């Protein structure tokens, strides 16, 4: 129980901090918003459309795919650093990486077959 005490204190302090920030913004924030202040501001020019412009979901998908393959590349540095020492123990680490690369290649092949990277 003593090992969880610092975690409990951190949780309580963070919850109190979040609650106090929300309370202070409610007390000190603007009370009567004027309709002209709620419009989007475009450097003094009258806005042509609303502030919410539709956004293609394919951009989000490409961003997630980029993160996925970027994290994949981040796994190669630790593997390369440990690979030389693990050669004496056998090819297990090499086979693990080849399986990992195979799964990523299958994922990339699937993405290319479904034509997900096209923006139309």
Protein backbone atom coordinates (compact mmCIF):
# COMPACT_ATOMS: atom_id res chain seq x y z
CA UNK A 1 0.00 0.00 0.00
CA UNK A 2 2.88 2.35 0.69
CA UNK A 3 4.15 1.96 -2.87
CA UNK A 4 0.85 3.26 -4.27
CA UNK A 5 0.77 6.33 -2.02
CA UNK A 6 2.84 8.58 -4.35
CA UNK A 7 0.64 7.54 -7.28
CA UNK A 8 -2.51 8.35 -5.31
CA UNK A 9 -1.10 11.74 -4.32
CA UNK A 10 -0.20 12.49 -7.94
CA UNK A 11 -3.70 11.50 -9.07
CA UNK A 12 -5.37 13.70 -6.44
CA UNK A 13 -3.14 16.70 -7.20
CA UNK A 14 -3.73 16.40 -10.94
CA UNK A 15 -7.51 16.14 -10.49
CA UNK A 16 -7.51 19.17 -8.19
CA UNK A 17 -5.41 21.12 -10.68
CA UNK A 18 -7.78 20.27 -13.55
CA UNK A 19 -10.84 21.19 -11.49
CA UNK A 20 -9.30 24.47 -10.33
CA UNK A 21 -8.36 25.46 -13.90
CA UNK A 22 -11.92 24.79 -15.08
CA UNK A 23 -13.40 26.79 -12.18
CA UNK A 24 -11.06 29.75 -12.71
CA UNK A 25 -11.83 29.91 -16.45
CA UNK A 26 -15.55 29.87 -15.71
CA UNK A 27 -15.19 32.68 -13.17
CA UNK A 28 -12.84 34.91 -15.16
CA UNK A 29 -14.03 34.14 -18.70
CA UNK A 30 -16.35 36.33 -20.79
CA UNK A 31 -19.95 36.26 -19.63
CA UNK A 32 -21.84 37.75 -22.59
CA UNK A 33 -20.41 36.78 -25.96
CA UNK A 34 -21.32 39.21 -28.75
CA UNK A 35 -22.36 37.59 -32.06
CA UNK A 36 -19.64 39.50 -33.95
CA UNK A 37 -17.01 37.98 -31.65
CA UNK A 38 -18.26 34.48 -32.39
CA UNK A 39 -17.56 34.83 -36.13
CA UNK A 40 -14.30 33.60 -37.59
CA UNK A 41 -11.75 36.37 -38.12
CA UNK A 42 -9.99 36.60 -41.48
CA UNK A 43 -7.70 39.64 -41.19
CA UNK A 44 -10.49 42.21 -41.36
CA UNK A 45 -12.18 40.68 -44.42
CA UNK A 46 -15.79 39.60 -44.14
CA UNK A 47 -15.87 35.80 -43.79
CA UNK A 48 -17.12 33.97 -46.87
CA UNK A 49 -18.08 30.76 -45.09
CA UNK A 50 -18.47 29.37 -41.61
CA UNK A 51 -15.54 28.35 -39.43
CA UNK A 52 -16.16 24.64 -39.96
CA UNK A 53 -14.93 23.55 -43.38
CA UNK A 54 -15.51 19.89 -44.33
CA UNK A 55 -12.28 17.92 -44.24
CA UNK A 56 -11.64 14.72 -46.17
CA UNK A 57 -11.19 11.73 -43.90
CA UNK A 58 -8.55 10.30 -46.24
CA UNK A 59 -6.07 12.84 -44.86
CA UNK A 60 -6.54 11.36 -41.39
CA UNK A 61 -6.03 7.86 -42.75
CA UNK A 62 -2.81 8.84 -44.48
CA UNK A 63 -1.57 10.46 -41.27
CA UNK A 64 -2.29 7.30 -39.26
CA UNK A 65 -0.55 5.16 -41.88
CA UNK A 66 2.45 7.47 -41.79
CA UNK A 67 2.64 7.12 -38.01
CA UNK A 68 2.34 3.35 -38.27
CA UNK A 69 5.20 3.00 -40.73
CA UNK A 70 7.25 5.69 -38.99
CA UNK A 71 7.06 3.77 -35.71
CA UNK A 72 8.04 0.66 -37.64
CA UNK A 73 11.22 2.41 -38.75
CA UNK A 74 11.94 3.41 -35.14
CA UNK A 75 12.19 -0.28 -34.19
CA UNK A 76 15.13 -0.84 -36.52
CA UNK A 77 17.67 1.18 -34.51
CA UNK A 78 17.39 -0.89 -31.29
CA UNK A 79 17.37 -4.06 -33.37
CA UNK A 80 20.54 -3.01 -35.19
CA UNK A 81 22.28 -2.19 -31.91
CA UNK A 82 21.51 -5.57 -30.35
CA UNK A 83 21.87 -7.71 -33.46
CA UNK A 84 25.66 -7.98 -33.41
CA UNK A 85 25.72 -9.34 -29.83
CA UNK A 86 22.85 -11.75 -30.51
CA UNK A 87 24.60 -13.50 -33.41
CA UNK A 88 26.39 -15.78 -30.98
CA UNK A 89 23.07 -17.06 -29.61
CA UNK A 90 21.62 -17.99 -32.98
CA UNK A 91 19.46 -16.53 -35.73
CA UNK A 92 16.34 -16.07 -33.56
CA UNK A 93 16.50 -12.27 -33.62
CA UNK A 94 16.98 -12.26 -37.37
CA UNK A 95 13.93 -14.48 -37.87
CA UNK A 96 11.88 -12.27 -35.56
CA UNK A 97 12.76 -9.21 -37.59
CA UNK A 98 12.04 -10.99 -40.87
CA UNK A 99 8.59 -12.00 -39.60
CA UNK A 100 7.99 -8.41 -38.47
CA UNK A 101 9.08 -7.06 -41.85
CA UNK A 102 6.90 -9.63 -43.59
CA UNK A 103 3.84 -8.50 -41.64
CA UNK A 104 4.57 -4.87 -42.44
CA UNK A 105 5.05 -5.75 -46.12
CA UNK A 106 1.70 -7.55 -46.15
CA UNK A 107 0.11 -4.43 -44.60
CA UNK A 108 1.73 -2.17 -47.18
CA UNK A 109 0.65 -4.50 -50.01
CA UNK A 110 -2.93 -4.42 -48.67
CA UNK A 111 -2.86 -0.60 -48.54
CA UNK A 112 -1.62 -0.41 -52.11
CA UNK A 113 -4.21 -2.95 -53.34
CA UNK A 114 -7.08 -1.01 -51.72
CA UNK A 115 -5.72 2.24 -53.22
CA UNK A 116 -6.02 4.01 -49.88
CA UNK A 117 -3.20 6.46 -50.65
CA UNK A 118 -5.08 8.09 -53.53
CA UNK A 119 -6.55 11.47 -52.66
CA UNK A 120 -9.00 11.84 -55.59
